[in-house]
PDB file of N, CA and C in Angstrom:
ATOM      1  N   UNK A   1      20.844   0.159  -1.464  1.00  0.00           N
ATOM      2  CA  UNK A   1      20.351   1.660  -1.168  1.00  0.00           C
ATOM      3  C   UNK A   1      19.368   1.050   0.283  1.00  0.00           C
ATOM      4  N   UNK A   2      18.345   0.338  -0.159  1.00  0.00           N
ATOM      5  CA  UNK A   2      17.653  -0.227   1.015  1.00  0.00           C
ATOM      6  C   UNK A   2      18.121  -0.989   2.444  1.00  0.00           C
ATOM      7  N   UNK A   3      19.433  -1.678   1.877  1.00  0.00           N
ATOM      8  CA  UNK A   3      19.973  -2.140   2.989  1.00  0.00           C
ATOM      9  C   UNK A   3      21.089  -1.088   3.722  1.00  0.00           C
ATOM     10  N   UNK A   4      21.558  -0.161   3.334  1.00  0.00           N
ATOM     11  CA  UNK A   4      22.003   1.042   3.583  1.00  0.00           C
ATOM     12  C   UNK A   4      21.320   1.947   4.584  1.00  0.00           C
ATOM     13  N   UNK A   5      19.920   1.996   4.066  1.00  0.00           N
ATOM     14  CA  UNK A   5      19.082   2.648   4.973  1.00  0.00           C
ATOM     15  C   UNK A   5      18.546   2.154   6.493  1.00  0.00           C
ATOM     16  N   UNK A   6      18.466   0.869   5.958  1.00  0.00           N
ATOM     17  CA  UNK A   6      17.965  -0.040   7.110  1.00  0.00           C
ATOM     18  C   UNK A   6      19.504  -0.054   8.304  1.00  0.00           C
ATOM     19  N   UNK A   7      20.856  -0.244   7.771  1.00  0.00           N
ATOM     20  CA  UNK A   7      21.567  -0.644   8.870  1.00  0.00           C
ATOM     21  C   UNK A   7      21.740   0.975   9.466  1.00  0.00           C
ATOM     22  N   UNK A   8      21.948   2.155   8.889  1.00  0.00           N
ATOM     23  CA  UNK A   8      22.076   3.070   9.416  1.00  0.00           C
ATOM     24  C   UNK A   8      21.141   3.500  10.469  1.00  0.00           C
ATOM     25  N   UNK A   9      19.642   3.214  10.097  1.00  0.00           N
ATOM     26  CA  UNK A   9      18.433   3.305  11.235  1.00  0.00           C
ATOM     27  C   UNK A   9      18.980   2.378  12.280  1.00  0.00           C
ATOM     28  N   UNK A  10      19.176   1.005  11.886  1.00  0.00           N
ATOM     29  CA  UNK A  10      19.241   0.163  13.566  1.00  0.00           C
ATOM     30  C   UNK A  10      20.451   0.832  14.213  1.00  0.00           C
ATOM     31  N   UNK A  11      21.331   1.514  13.712  1.00  0.00           N
ATOM     32  CA  UNK A  11      22.654   2.137  14.019  1.00  0.00           C
ATOM     33  C   UNK A  11      22.188   2.988  14.848  1.00  0.00           C
ATOM     34  N   UNK A  12      21.434   4.121  14.440  1.00  0.00           N
ATOM     35  CA  UNK A  12      20.617   4.892  15.090  1.00  0.00           C
ATOM     36  C   UNK A  12      20.119   4.888  16.348  1.00  0.00           C
ATOM     37  N   UNK A  13      19.579   3.576  16.071  1.00  0.00           N
ATOM     38  CA  UNK A  13      18.564   2.866  17.303  1.00  0.00           C
ATOM     39  C   UNK A  13      19.367   2.036  18.467  1.00  0.00           C
ATOM     40  N   UNK A  14      20.434   1.921  18.306  1.00  0.00           N
ATOM     41  CA  UNK A  14      21.632   1.427  19.024  1.00  0.00           C
ATOM     42  C   UNK A  14      21.521  -0.164  19.363  1.00  0.00           C
ATOM     43  N   UNK A  15      21.016  -0.855  18.062  1.00  0.00           N
ATOM     44  CA  UNK A  15      20.572  -2.179  17.684  1.00  0.00           C
ATOM     45  C   UNK A  15      21.071  -2.950  17.446  1.00  0.00           C
ATOM     46  N   UNK A  16      21.439  -4.325  17.810  1.00  0.00           N
ATOM     47  CA  UNK A  16      22.406  -5.422  17.401  1.00  0.00           C
ATOM     48  C   UNK A  16      22.007  -5.871  16.508  1.00  0.00           C
ATOM     49  N   UNK A  17      22.839  -6.315  15.204  1.00  0.00           N
ATOM     50  CA  UNK A  17      22.360  -6.835  13.809  1.00  0.00           C
ATOM     51  C   UNK A  17      23.312  -7.755  13.230  1.00  0.00           C
ATOM     52  N   UNK A  18      23.277  -8.386  12.600  1.00  0.00           N
ATOM     53  CA  UNK A  18      24.438  -9.082  11.873  1.00  0.00           C
ATOM     54  C   UNK A  18      23.971  -8.885  10.404  1.00  0.00           C
ATOM     55  N   UNK A  19      25.045  -8.412   9.791  1.00  0.00           N
ATOM     56  CA  UNK A  19      24.599  -8.453   8.154  1.00  0.00           C
ATOM     57  C   UNK A  19      25.905  -9.381   7.303  1.00  0.00           C
ATOM     58  N   UNK A  20      25.583  -9.969   6.255  1.00  0.00           N
ATOM     59  CA  UNK A  20      26.432 -10.949   5.380  1.00  0.00           C
ATOM     60  C   UNK A  20      26.121 -10.256   4.009  1.00  0.00           C
ATOM     61  N   UNK A  21      27.021  -9.983   3.464  1.00  0.00           N
ATOM     62  CA  UNK A  21      27.342  -9.383   2.029  1.00  0.00           C
ATOM     63  C   UNK A  21      27.886 -10.092   1.368  1.00  0.00           C
ATOM     64  N   UNK A  22      27.519 -10.598  -0.185  1.00  0.00           N
ATOM     65  CA  UNK A  22      27.596 -11.762  -1.096  1.00  0.00           C
ATOM     66  C   UNK A  22      28.256 -10.730  -2.106  1.00  0.00           C
ATOM     67  N   UNK A  23      29.282 -10.281  -2.293  1.00  0.00           N
ATOM     68  CA  UNK A  23      29.770  -9.571  -3.548  1.00  0.00           C
ATOM     69  C   UNK A  23      29.416 -10.132  -5.289  1.00  0.00           C
ATOM     70  N   UNK A  24      28.685  -9.808  -6.120  1.00  0.00           N
ATOM     71  CA  UNK A  24      28.852 -10.018  -7.453  1.00  0.00           C
ATOM     72  C   UNK A  24      27.371 -11.079  -6.827  1.00  0.00           C
ATOM     73  N   UNK A  25      26.834 -10.886  -6.295  1.00  0.00           N
ATOM     74  CA  UNK A  25      25.036 -12.002  -6.305  1.00  0.00           C
ATOM     75  C   UNK A  25      24.213 -10.897  -5.967  1.00  0.00           C
ATOM     76  N   UNK A  26      23.240 -11.701  -7.112  1.00  0.00           N
ATOM     77  CA  UNK A  26      21.911 -10.737  -6.798  1.00  0.00           C
ATOM     78  C   UNK A  26      21.001 -11.361  -5.559  1.00  0.00           C
ATOM     79  N   UNK A  27      19.468 -11.358  -6.204  1.00  0.00           N
ATOM     80  CA  UNK A  27      19.002 -11.552  -4.810  1.00  0.00           C
ATOM     81  C   UNK A  27      18.884 -13.044  -4.633  1.00  0.00           C
ATOM     82  N   UNK A  28      19.529 -14.104  -5.548  1.00  0.00           N
ATOM     83  CA  UNK A  28      19.563 -15.261  -5.465  1.00  0.00           C
ATOM     84  C   UNK A  28      21.275 -15.455  -5.493  1.00  0.00           C
ATOM     85  N   UNK A  29      21.365 -16.336  -4.229  1.00  0.00           N
ATOM     86  CA  UNK A  29      22.838 -16.747  -4.171  1.00  0.00           C
ATOM     87  C   UNK A  29      22.935 -18.296  -4.505  1.00  0.00           C
ATOM     88  N   UNK A  30      24.146 -18.129  -5.494  1.00  0.00           N
ATOM     89  CA  UNK A  30      24.490 -19.324  -5.865  1.00  0.00           C
ATOM     90  C   UNK A  30      25.492 -19.871  -5.248  1.00  0.00           C
ATOM     91  N   UNK A  31      25.735 -21.685  -5.771  1.00  0.00           N
ATOM     92  CA  UNK A  31      26.599 -22.508  -4.885  1.00  0.00           C
ATOM     93  C   UNK A  31      28.280 -21.608  -5.326  1.00  0.00           C
ATOM     94  N   UNK A  32      29.283 -22.059  -4.321  1.00  0.00           N
ATOM     95  CA  UNK A  32      29.416 -22.296  -3.215  1.00  0.00           C
ATOM     96  C   UNK A  32      28.742 -21.867  -2.055  1.00  0.00           C
ATOM     97  N   UNK A  33      28.850 -20.497  -2.448  1.00  0.00           N
ATOM     98  CA  UNK A  33      27.978 -19.085  -1.447  1.00  0.00           C
ATOM     99  C   UNK A  33      26.983 -19.563  -0.677  1.00  0.00           C
ATOM    100  N   UNK A  34      26.121 -20.508  -1.883  1.00  0.00           N
ATOM    101  CA  UNK A  34      24.747 -20.915  -0.638  1.00  0.00           C
ATOM    102  C   UNK A  34      24.966 -21.669   0.412  1.00  0.00           C
ATOM    103  N   UNK A  35      25.798 -22.477   0.039  1.00  0.00           N
ATOM    104  CA  UNK A  35      26.285 -23.542   1.154  1.00  0.00           C
ATOM    105  C   UNK A  35      26.455 -22.477   2.481  1.00  0.00           C
ATOM    106  N   UNK A  36      27.449 -21.394   1.997  1.00  0.00           N
ATOM    107  CA  UNK A  36      28.060 -20.211   3.276  1.00  0.00           C
ATOM    108  C   UNK A  36      26.281 -19.497   3.839  1.00  0.00           C
ATOM    109  N   UNK A  37      25.705 -18.964   3.166  1.00  0.00           N
ATOM    110  CA  UNK A  37      24.843 -18.717   3.391  1.00  0.00           C
ATOM    111  C   UNK A  37      23.670 -19.149   4.396  1.00  0.00           C
ATOM    112  N   UNK A  38      23.812 -20.980   3.842  1.00  0.00           N
ATOM    113  CA  UNK A  38      22.335 -21.414   4.302  1.00  0.00           C
ATOM    114  C   UNK A  38      23.113 -21.952   6.075  1.00  0.00           C
ATOM    115  N   UNK A  39      24.244 -22.343   5.955  1.00  0.00           N
ATOM    116  CA  UNK A  39      25.176 -22.870   7.092  1.00  0.00           C
ATOM    117  C   UNK A  39      25.059 -21.307   8.670  1.00  0.00           C
ATOM    118  N   UNK A  40      24.991 -20.313   8.156  1.00  0.00           N
ATOM    119  CA  UNK A  40      25.151 -18.774   8.891  1.00  0.00           C
ATOM    120  C   UNK A  40      23.445 -18.645   8.961  1.00  0.00           C
ATOM    121  N   UNK A  41      22.881 -18.907   8.503  1.00  0.00           N
ATOM    122  CA  UNK A  41      21.068 -19.181   8.802  1.00  0.00           C
ATOM    123  C   UNK A  41      21.136 -19.446   9.864  1.00  0.00           C
ATOM    124  N   UNK A  42      21.380 -21.070   9.829  1.00  0.00           N
ATOM    125  CA  UNK A  42      21.395 -22.182  10.779  1.00  0.00           C
ATOM    126  C   UNK A  42      21.374 -21.970  11.909  1.00  0.00           C
ATOM    127  N   UNK A  43      22.868 -21.479  11.490  1.00  0.00           N
ATOM    128  CA  UNK A  43      23.750 -20.978  12.796  1.00  0.00           C
ATOM    129  C   UNK A  43      23.209 -19.685  13.747  1.00  0.00           C
ATOM    130  N   UNK A  44      22.234 -19.026  12.918  1.00  0.00           N
ATOM    131  CA  UNK A  44      21.841 -18.056  13.472  1.00  0.00           C
ATOM    132  C   UNK A  44      20.503 -18.424  14.447  1.00  0.00           C
ATOM    133  N   UNK A  45      19.929 -18.973  13.671  1.00  0.00           N
ATOM    134  CA  UNK A  45      18.431 -19.514  14.397  1.00  0.00           C
ATOM    135  C   UNK A  45      18.644 -20.233  16.072  1.00  0.00           C
ATOM    136  N   UNK A  46      20.270 -21.002  15.162  1.00  0.00           N
ATOM    137  CA  UNK A  46      20.207 -21.906  16.871  1.00  0.00           C
ATOM    138  C   UNK A  46      20.842 -21.000  18.030  1.00  0.00           C
ATOM    139  N   UNK A  47      21.604 -19.994  17.500  1.00  0.00           N
ATOM    140  CA  UNK A  47      22.109 -19.080  18.493  1.00  0.00           C
ATOM    141  C   UNK A  47      21.124 -18.346  19.495  1.00  0.00           C
ATOM    142  N   UNK A  48      20.323 -17.744  18.684  1.00  0.00           N
ATOM    143  CA  UNK A  48      19.058 -17.090  19.189  1.00  0.00           C
ATOM    144  C   UNK A  48      18.070 -17.480  19.507  1.00  0.00           C
ATOM    145  N   UNK A  49      17.587 -18.829  19.024  1.00  0.00           N
ATOM    146  CA  UNK A  49      16.198 -18.966  19.727  1.00  0.00           C
ATOM    147  C   UNK A  49      16.767 -20.409  20.405  1.00  0.00           C
ATOM    148  N   UNK A  50      17.313 -20.897  20.213  1.00  0.00           N
ATOM    149  CA  UNK A  50      17.876 -22.298  21.387  1.00  0.00           C
ATOM    150  C   UNK A  50      19.322 -22.431  22.307  1.00  0.00           C
ATOM    151  N   UNK A  51      19.753 -20.955  21.652  1.00  0.00           N
ATOM    152  CA  UNK A  51      20.674 -20.277  22.926  1.00  0.00           C
ATOM    153  C   UNK A  51      21.627 -21.678  23.152  1.00  0.00           C
ATOM    154  N   UNK A  52      22.296 -21.852  21.787  1.00  0.00           N
ATOM    155  CA  UNK A  52      23.496 -22.760  21.816  1.00  0.00           C
ATOM    156  C   UNK A  52      24.211 -22.689  20.017  1.00  0.00           C
ATOM    157  N   UNK A  53      25.063 -23.126  20.350  1.00  0.00           N
ATOM    158  CA  UNK A  53      25.807 -23.255  19.061  1.00  0.00           C
ATOM    159  C   UNK A  53      25.978 -24.697  18.357  1.00  0.00           C
ATOM    160  N   UNK A  54      25.688 -24.770  16.697  1.00  0.00           N
ATOM    161  CA  UNK A  54      25.437 -25.569  15.881  1.00  0.00           C
ATOM    162  C   UNK A  54      26.737 -26.134  15.961  1.00  0.00           C
ATOM    163  N   UNK A  55      26.775 -27.565  15.869  1.00  0.00           N
ATOM    164  CA  UNK A  55      28.290 -28.553  16.127  1.00  0.00           C
ATOM    165  C   UNK A  55      28.575 -28.194  14.572  1.00  0.00           C
ATOM    166  N   UNK A  56      29.747 -27.679  14.131  1.00  0.00           N
ATOM    167  CA  UNK A  56      30.481 -28.397  13.323  1.00  0.00           C
ATOM    168  C   UNK A  56      30.802 -29.267  12.495  1.00  0.00           C
TER     169      UNK A  56
END
């Protein structure tokens, strides 16, 4: 519910955002999906703060 409200507000404000949903996960994301979310988080920081892509 809070996520939907946030997405609604961001789109109303014409703001760019990224959202990754992990079905059947709660507040903690378990393996193997944790590997994916960690990689995506690090990639976000590289892209938005260092201005480059993380090497694979």
